[in-house]
């Protein structure tokens, strides 16, 4: 996407948002692997992988996302 069309191109927070979305995507990937039973285990794994604790805390505060990650864990382990 060119800068002319990217509304967040000059926004310093966009880098933080990119990191957050990367964290969230990784959390869903880990949940789908079947190795984890719940979000708390994934949060520890993300921290061990080097993700910022502040970003993990931000995702933890999103109750809907945590519920969906937990459901993904259950579904992946049921396969």
PDB file of N, CA and C in Angstrom:
ATOM      1  N   UNK A   1       0.851  -1.168   0.000  1.00  0.00           N
ATOM      2  CA  UNK A   1       0.000   0.000   0.000  1.00  0.00           C
ATOM      3  C   UNK A   1       0.902   1.237   0.000  1.00  0.00           C
ATOM      4  N   UNK A   2       0.588   2.191  -0.833  1.00  0.00           N
ATOM      5  CA  UNK A   2       1.396   3.403  -0.894  1.00  0.00           C
ATOM      6  C   UNK A   2       1.024   4.328   0.240  1.00  0.00           C
ATOM      7  N   UNK A   3       1.941   5.198   0.567  1.00  0.00           N
ATOM      8  CA  UNK A   3       1.737   6.117   1.680  1.00  0.00           C
ATOM      9  C   UNK A   3       0.524   7.016   1.456  1.00  0.00           C
ATOM     10  N   UNK A   4       0.244   7.364   0.214  1.00  0.00           N
ATOM     11  CA  UNK A   4      -0.885   8.236  -0.091  1.00  0.00           C
ATOM     12  C   UNK A   4      -2.217   7.606   0.310  1.00  0.00           C
ATOM     13  N   UNK A   5      -2.268   6.283   0.320  1.00  0.00           N
ATOM     14  CA  UNK A   5      -3.512   5.608   0.644  1.00  0.00           C
ATOM     15  C   UNK A   5      -3.527   5.008   2.038  1.00  0.00           C
ATOM     16  N   UNK A   6      -2.417   5.068   2.735  1.00  0.00           N
ATOM     17  CA  UNK A   6      -2.317   4.481   4.064  1.00  0.00           C
ATOM     18  C   UNK A   6      -2.566   5.561   5.108  1.00  0.00           C
ATOM     19  N   UNK A   7      -3.733   5.504   5.734  1.00  0.00           N
ATOM     20  CA  UNK A   7      -4.115   6.527   6.715  1.00  0.00           C
ATOM     21  C   UNK A   7      -3.214   6.508   7.943  1.00  0.00           C
ATOM     22  N   UNK A   8      -2.583   5.373   8.244  1.00  0.00           N
ATOM     23  CA  UNK A   8      -1.750   5.244   9.434  1.00  0.00           C
ATOM     24  C   UNK A   8      -0.264   5.391   9.140  1.00  0.00           C
ATOM     25  N   UNK A   9       0.097   5.838   7.960  1.00  0.00           N
ATOM     26  CA  UNK A   9       1.502   5.881   7.560  1.00  0.00           C
ATOM     27  C   UNK A   9       2.349   6.755   8.478  1.00  0.00           C
ATOM     28  N   UNK A  10       1.806   7.850   8.965  1.00  0.00           N
ATOM     29  CA  UNK A  10       2.568   8.757   9.822  1.00  0.00           C
ATOM     30  C   UNK A  10       2.229   8.590  11.291  1.00  0.00           C
ATOM     31  N   UNK A  11       1.433   7.617  11.625  1.00  0.00           N
ATOM     32  CA  UNK A  11       0.991   7.394  12.994  1.00  0.00           C
ATOM     33  C   UNK A  11       1.973   6.457  13.698  1.00  0.00           C
ATOM     34  N   UNK A  12       2.687   6.954  14.727  1.00  0.00           N
ATOM     35  CA  UNK A  12       3.640   6.083  15.418  1.00  0.00           C
ATOM     36  C   UNK A  12       2.968   4.903  16.110  1.00  0.00           C
ATOM     37  N   UNK A  13       1.695   5.032  16.421  1.00  0.00           N
ATOM     38  CA  UNK A  13       0.978   3.942  17.077  1.00  0.00           C
ATOM     39  C   UNK A  13       0.715   2.783  16.121  1.00  0.00           C
ATOM     40  N   UNK A  14       0.821   3.030  14.821  1.00  0.00           N
ATOM     41  CA  UNK A  14       0.540   1.955  13.875  1.00  0.00           C
ATOM     42  C   UNK A  14       1.549   0.813  14.025  1.00  0.00           C
ATOM     43  N   UNK A  15       2.780   1.117  14.394  1.00  0.00           N
ATOM     44  CA  UNK A  15       3.768   0.063  14.637  1.00  0.00           C
ATOM     45  C   UNK A  15       3.390  -0.787  15.827  1.00  0.00           C
ATOM     46  N   UNK A  16       2.858  -0.148  16.860  1.00  0.00           N
ATOM     47  CA  UNK A  16       2.401  -0.876  18.047  1.00  0.00           C
ATOM     48  C   UNK A  16       1.223  -1.757  17.669  1.00  0.00           C
ATOM     49  N   UNK A  17       0.309  -1.213  16.853  1.00  0.00           N
ATOM     50  CA  UNK A  17      -0.847  -1.999  16.423  1.00  0.00           C
ATOM     51  C   UNK A  17      -0.411  -3.186  15.577  1.00  0.00           C
ATOM     52  N   UNK A  18       0.581  -2.985  14.707  1.00  0.00           N
ATOM     53  CA  UNK A  18       1.096  -4.093  13.899  1.00  0.00           C
ATOM     54  C   UNK A  18       1.645  -5.196  14.802  1.00  0.00           C
ATOM     55  N   UNK A  19       2.383  -4.813  15.827  1.00  0.00           N
ATOM     56  CA  UNK A  19       2.945  -5.790  16.764  1.00  0.00           C
ATOM     57  C   UNK A  19       1.824  -6.511  17.520  1.00  0.00           C
ATOM     58  N   UNK A  20       0.778  -5.769  17.866  1.00  0.00           N
ATOM     59  CA  UNK A  20      -0.353  -6.371  18.570  1.00  0.00           C
ATOM     60  C   UNK A  20      -1.051  -7.400  17.685  1.00  0.00           C
ATOM     61  N   UNK A  21      -1.282  -7.037  16.436  1.00  0.00           N
ATOM     62  CA  UNK A  21      -1.958  -7.964  15.528  1.00  0.00           C
ATOM     63  C   UNK A  21      -1.093  -9.186  15.240  1.00  0.00           C
ATOM     64  N   UNK A  22       0.218  -8.994  15.192  1.00  0.00           N
ATOM     65  CA  UNK A  22       1.135 -10.123  15.035  1.00  0.00           C
ATOM     66  C   UNK A  22       1.028 -11.045  16.247  1.00  0.00           C
ATOM     67  N   UNK A  23       0.971 -10.463  17.432  1.00  0.00           N
ATOM     68  CA  UNK A  23       0.810 -11.232  18.671  1.00  0.00           C
ATOM     69  C   UNK A  23      -0.499 -12.009  18.652  1.00  0.00           C
ATOM     70  N   UNK A  24      -1.569 -11.340  18.283  1.00  0.00           N
ATOM     71  CA  UNK A  24      -2.879 -11.995  18.249  1.00  0.00           C
ATOM     72  C   UNK A  24      -2.892 -13.147  17.249  1.00  0.00           C
ATOM     73  N   UNK A  25      -2.330 -12.920  16.086  1.00  0.00           N
ATOM     74  CA  UNK A  25      -2.264 -13.987  15.081  1.00  0.00           C
ATOM     75  C   UNK A  25      -1.455 -15.174  15.590  1.00  0.00           C
ATOM     76  N   UNK A  26      -0.346 -14.896  16.251  1.00  0.00           N
ATOM     77  CA  UNK A  26       0.489 -15.965  16.802  1.00  0.00           C
ATOM     78  C   UNK A  26      -0.263 -16.728  17.889  1.00  0.00           C
ATOM     79  N   UNK A  27      -1.044 -16.015  18.705  1.00  0.00           N
ATOM     80  CA  UNK A  27      -1.832 -16.667  19.754  1.00  0.00           C
ATOM     81  C   UNK A  27      -2.822 -17.652  19.135  1.00  0.00           C
ATOM     82  N   UNK A  28      -3.494 -17.253  18.062  1.00  0.00           N
ATOM     83  CA  UNK A  28      -4.429 -18.157  17.394  1.00  0.00           C
ATOM     84  C   UNK A  28      -3.699 -19.343  16.764  1.00  0.00           C
ATOM     85  N   UNK A  29      -2.510 -19.104  16.227  1.00  0.00           N
ATOM     86  CA  UNK A  29      -1.721 -20.200  15.658  1.00  0.00           C
ATOM     87  C   UNK A  29      -1.356 -21.213  16.737  1.00  0.00           C
ATOM     88  N   UNK A  30      -0.903 -20.711  17.879  1.00  0.00           N
ATOM     89  CA  UNK A  30      -0.560 -21.607  18.986  1.00  0.00           C
ATOM     90  C   UNK A  30      -1.791 -22.352  19.495  1.00  0.00           C
ATOM     91  N   UNK A  31      -2.915 -21.654  19.571  1.00  0.00           N
ATOM     92  CA  UNK A  31      -4.155 -22.292  20.035  1.00  0.00           C
ATOM     93  C   UNK A  31      -4.559 -23.417  19.085  1.00  0.00           C
ATOM     94  N   UNK A  32      -4.388 -23.198  17.812  1.00  0.00           N
ATOM     95  CA  UNK A  32      -4.770 -24.194  16.819  1.00  0.00           C
ATOM     96  C   UNK A  32      -3.818 -25.371  16.725  1.00  0.00           C
ATOM     97  N   UNK A  33      -2.673 -25.260  17.384  1.00  0.00           N
ATOM     98  CA  UNK A  33      -1.680 -26.337  17.322  1.00  0.00           C
ATOM     99  C   UNK A  33      -2.080 -27.551  18.158  1.00  0.00           C
ATOM    100  N   UNK A  34      -2.955 -27.358  19.123  1.00  0.00           N
ATOM    101  CA  UNK A  34      -3.369 -28.450  19.993  1.00  0.00           C
ATOM    102  C   UNK A  34      -2.424 -28.712  21.154  1.00  0.00           C
ATOM    103  N   UNK A  35      -1.372 -27.918  21.280  1.00  0.00           N
ATOM    104  CA  UNK A  35      -0.404 -28.121  22.364  1.00  0.00           C
ATOM    105  C   UNK A  35      -0.837 -27.468  23.670  1.00  0.00           C
ATOM    106  N   UNK A  36      -1.776 -26.541  23.610  1.00  0.00           N
ATOM    107  CA  UNK A  36      -2.145 -25.746  24.784  1.00  0.00           C
ATOM    108  C   UNK A  36      -3.610 -25.969  25.143  1.00  0.00           C
ATOM    109  N   UNK A  37      -3.887 -25.928  26.447  1.00  0.00           N
ATOM    110  CA  UNK A  37      -5.250 -26.140  26.928  1.00  0.00           C
ATOM    111  C   UNK A  37      -6.021 -24.842  27.107  1.00  0.00           C
ATOM    112  N   UNK A  38      -5.309 -23.745  27.350  1.00  0.00           N
ATOM    113  CA  UNK A  38      -6.011 -22.483  27.628  1.00  0.00           C
ATOM    114  C   UNK A  38      -5.103 -21.286  27.347  1.00  0.00           C
ATOM    115  N   UNK A  39      -5.728 -20.127  27.356  1.00  0.00           N
ATOM    116  CA  UNK A  39      -5.066 -18.869  27.037  1.00  0.00           C
ATOM    117  C   UNK A  39      -3.850 -18.610  27.921  1.00  0.00           C
ATOM    118  N   UNK A  40      -3.929 -18.887  29.208  1.00  0.00           N
ATOM    119  CA  UNK A  40      -2.823 -18.580  30.122  1.00  0.00           C
ATOM    120  C   UNK A  40      -1.531 -19.275  29.682  1.00  0.00           C
ATOM    121  N   UNK A  41      -1.648 -20.504  29.210  1.00  0.00           N
ATOM    122  CA  UNK A  41      -0.467 -21.222  28.727  1.00  0.00           C
ATOM    123  C   UNK A  41       0.098 -20.557  27.471  1.00  0.00           C
ATOM    124  N   UNK A  42      -0.794 -20.109  26.615  1.00  0.00           N
ATOM    125  CA  UNK A  42      -0.365 -19.424  25.393  1.00  0.00           C
ATOM    126  C   UNK A  42       0.309 -18.100  25.732  1.00  0.00           C
ATOM    127  N   UNK A  43      -0.242 -17.381  26.707  1.00  0.00           N
ATOM    128  CA  UNK A  43       0.354 -16.112  27.125  1.00  0.00           C
ATOM    129  C   UNK A  43       1.792 -16.313  27.593  1.00  0.00           C
ATOM    130  N   UNK A  44       2.036 -17.378  28.352  1.00  0.00           N
ATOM    131  CA  UNK A  44       3.398 -17.679  28.805  1.00  0.00           C
ATOM    132  C   UNK A  44       4.310 -18.021  27.625  1.00  0.00           C
ATOM    133  N   UNK A  45       3.777 -18.759  26.671  1.00  0.00           N
ATOM    134  CA  UNK A  45       4.563 -19.110  25.485  1.00  0.00           C
ATOM    135  C   UNK A  45       4.904 -17.859  24.674  1.00  0.00           C
ATOM    136  N   UNK A  46       3.952 -16.947  24.544  1.00  0.00           N
ATOM    137  CA  UNK A  46       4.198 -15.706  23.804  1.00  0.00           C
ATOM    138  C   UNK A  46       5.269 -14.868  24.490  1.00  0.00           C
ATOM    139  N   UNK A  47       5.229 -14.819  25.802  1.00  0.00           N
ATOM    140  CA  UNK A  47       6.243 -14.092  26.556  1.00  0.00           C
ATOM    141  C   UNK A  47       7.617 -14.722  26.326  1.00  0.00           C
ATOM    142  N   UNK A  48       7.665 -16.040  26.337  1.00  0.00           N
ATOM    143  CA  UNK A  48       8.924 -16.756  26.106  1.00  0.00           C
ATOM    144  C   UNK A  48       9.443 -16.525  24.685  1.00  0.00           C
ATOM    145  N   UNK A  49       8.531 -16.292  23.747  1.00  0.00           N
ATOM    146  CA  UNK A  49       8.926 -16.027  22.360  1.00  0.00           C
ATOM    147  C   UNK A  49       9.417 -14.594  22.166  1.00  0.00           C
ATOM    148  N   UNK A  50       9.267 -13.766  23.192  1.00  0.00           N
ATOM    149  CA  UNK A  50       9.797 -12.410  23.113  1.00  0.00           C
ATOM    150  C   UNK A  50       8.786 -11.320  22.863  1.00  0.00           C
ATOM    151  N   UNK A  51       7.501 -11.649  22.882  1.00  0.00           N
ATOM    152  CA  UNK A  51       6.490 -10.607  22.722  1.00  0.00           C
ATOM    153  C   UNK A  51       6.445  -9.748  23.980  1.00  0.00           C
ATOM    154  N   UNK A  52       6.140  -8.489  23.816  1.00  0.00           N
ATOM    155  CA  UNK A  52       6.093  -7.554  24.936  1.00  0.00           C
ATOM    156  C   UNK A  52       4.956  -7.892  25.893  1.00  0.00           C
ATOM    157  N   UNK A  53       5.263  -7.832  27.180  1.00  0.00           N
ATOM    158  CA  UNK A  53       4.254  -8.127  28.205  1.00  0.00           C
ATOM    159  C   UNK A  53       3.069  -7.171  28.090  1.00  0.00           C
ATOM    160  N   UNK A  54       3.320  -5.926  27.729  1.00  0.00           N
ATOM    161  CA  UNK A  54       2.234  -4.949  27.595  1.00  0.00           C
ATOM    162  C   UNK A  54       1.249  -5.359  26.503  1.00  0.00           C
ATOM    163  N   UNK A  55       1.751  -5.940  25.423  1.00  0.00           N
ATOM    164  CA  UNK A  55       0.869  -6.382  24.344  1.00  0.00           C
ATOM    165  C   UNK A  55       0.077  -7.622  24.765  1.00  0.00           C
ATOM    166  N   UNK A  56       0.718  -8.509  25.515  1.00  0.00           N
ATOM    167  CA  UNK A  56       0.021  -9.697  26.016  1.00  0.00           C
ATOM    168  C   UNK A  56      -1.074  -9.276  26.985  1.00  0.00           C
ATOM    169  N   UNK A  57      -0.780  -8.312  27.828  1.00  0.00           N
ATOM    170  CA  UNK A  57      -1.775  -7.787  28.766  1.00  0.00           C
ATOM    171  C   UNK A  57      -2.933  -7.147  28.016  1.00  0.00           C
ATOM    172  N   UNK A  58      -2.620  -6.432  26.958  1.00  0.00           N
ATOM    173  CA  UNK A  58      -3.674  -5.805  26.142  1.00  0.00           C
ATOM    174  C   UNK A  58      -4.598  -6.865  25.557  1.00  0.00           C
ATOM    175  N   UNK A  59      -4.049  -7.951  25.059  1.00  0.00           N
ATOM    176  CA  UNK A  59      -4.876  -9.030  24.519  1.00  0.00           C
ATOM    177  C   UNK A  59      -5.650  -9.714  25.641  1.00  0.00           C
ATOM    178  N   UNK A  60      -5.037  -9.866  26.793  1.00  0.00           N
ATOM    179  CA  UNK A  60      -5.687 -10.493  27.937  1.00  0.00           C
ATOM    180  C   UNK A  60      -6.932  -9.719  28.375  1.00  0.00           C
ATOM    181  N   UNK A  61      -6.920  -8.416  28.190  1.00  0.00           N
ATOM    182  CA  UNK A  61      -8.067  -7.579  28.577  1.00  0.00           C
ATOM    183  C   UNK A  61      -9.226  -7.685  27.598  1.00  0.00           C
ATOM    184  N   UNK A  62      -8.988  -8.281  26.442  1.00  0.00           N
ATOM    185  CA  UNK A  62     -10.041  -8.469  25.445  1.00  0.00           C
ATOM    186  C   UNK A  62     -10.718  -9.814  25.724  1.00  0.00           C
ATOM    187  N   UNK A  63     -11.795  -9.767  26.491  1.00  0.00           N
ATOM    188  CA  UNK A  63     -12.452 -10.991  26.947  1.00  0.00           C
ATOM    189  C   UNK A  63     -12.960 -11.845  25.789  1.00  0.00           C
ATOM    190  N   UNK A  64     -13.442 -11.214  24.734  1.00  0.00           N
ATOM    191  CA  UNK A  64     -13.936 -11.968  23.590  1.00  0.00           C
ATOM    192  C   UNK A  64     -12.789 -12.715  22.895  1.00  0.00           C
ATOM    193  N   UNK A  65     -11.667 -12.040  22.726  1.00  0.00           N
ATOM    194  CA  UNK A  65     -10.514 -12.686  22.089  1.00  0.00           C
ATOM    195  C   UNK A  65     -10.020 -13.852  22.936  1.00  0.00           C
ATOM    196  N   UNK A  66      -9.950 -13.672  24.240  1.00  0.00           N
ATOM    197  CA  UNK A  66      -9.499 -14.741  25.136  1.00  0.00           C
ATOM    198  C   UNK A  66     -10.461 -15.929  25.065  1.00  0.00           C
ATOM    199  N   UNK A  67     -11.764 -15.643  25.021  1.00  0.00           N
ATOM    200  CA  UNK A  67     -12.753 -16.710  24.902  1.00  0.00           C
ATOM    201  C   UNK A  67     -12.558 -17.481  23.592  1.00  0.00           C
ATOM    202  N   UNK A  68     -12.325 -16.763  22.502  1.00  0.00           N
ATOM    203  CA  UNK A  68     -12.144 -17.416  21.206  1.00  0.00           C
ATOM    204  C   UNK A  68     -10.838 -18.225  21.168  1.00  0.00           C
ATOM    205  N   UNK A  69      -9.801 -17.705  21.783  1.00  0.00           N
ATOM    206  CA  UNK A  69      -8.535 -18.442  21.845  1.00  0.00           C
ATOM    207  C   UNK A  69      -8.720 -19.722  22.658  1.00  0.00           C
ATOM    208  N   UNK A  70      -9.411 -19.619  23.777  1.00  0.00           N
ATOM    209  CA  UNK A  70      -9.688 -20.812  24.582  1.00  0.00           C
ATOM    210  C   UNK A  70     -10.504 -21.831  23.796  1.00  0.00           C
ATOM    211  N   UNK A  71     -11.481 -21.366  23.040  1.00  0.00           N
ATOM    212  CA  UNK A  71     -12.289 -22.278  22.209  1.00  0.00           C
ATOM    213  C   UNK A  71     -11.427 -22.936  21.133  1.00  0.00           C
ATOM    214  N   UNK A  72     -10.519 -22.174  20.561  1.00  0.00           N
ATOM    215  CA  UNK A  72      -9.614 -22.742  19.559  1.00  0.00           C
ATOM    216  C   UNK A  72      -8.746 -23.838  20.174  1.00  0.00           C
ATOM    217  N   UNK A  73      -8.322 -23.630  21.424  1.00  0.00           N
ATOM    218  CA  UNK A  73      -7.541 -24.654  22.134  1.00  0.00           C
ATOM    219  C   UNK A  73      -8.361 -25.931  22.273  1.00  0.00           C
ATOM    220  N   UNK A  74      -9.588 -25.789  22.711  1.00  0.00           N
ATOM    221  CA  UNK A  74     -10.459 -26.955  22.921  1.00  0.00           C
ATOM    222  C   UNK A  74     -10.702 -27.680  21.599  1.00  0.00           C
ATOM    223  N   UNK A  75     -11.004 -26.926  20.553  1.00  0.00           N
ATOM    224  CA  UNK A  75     -11.274 -27.546  19.257  1.00  0.00           C
ATOM    225  C   UNK A  75     -10.052 -28.249  18.700  1.00  0.00           C
ATOM    226  N   UNK A  76      -8.899 -27.631  18.840  1.00  0.00           N
ATOM    227  CA  UNK A  76      -7.677 -28.228  18.309  1.00  0.00           C
ATOM    228  C   UNK A  76      -7.319 -29.509  19.060  1.00  0.00           C
ATOM    229  N   UNK A  77      -7.568 -29.528  20.343  1.00  0.00           N
ATOM    230  CA  UNK A  77      -7.243 -30.726  21.135  1.00  0.00           C
ATOM    231  C   UNK A  77      -8.255 -31.839  20.909  1.00  0.00           C
ATOM    232  N   UNK A  78      -9.444 -31.502  20.407  1.00  0.00           N
ATOM    233  CA  UNK A  78     -10.477 -32.504  20.152  1.00  0.00           C
ATOM    234  C   UNK A  78     -10.253 -33.243  18.831  1.00  0.00           C
ATOM    235  N   UNK A  79      -9.361 -32.745  18.005  1.00  0.00           N
ATOM    236  CA  UNK A  79      -9.112 -33.366  16.686  1.00  0.00           C
ATOM    237  C   UNK A  79      -8.375 -34.664  16.823  1.00  0.00           C
TER     238      UNK A  79
END
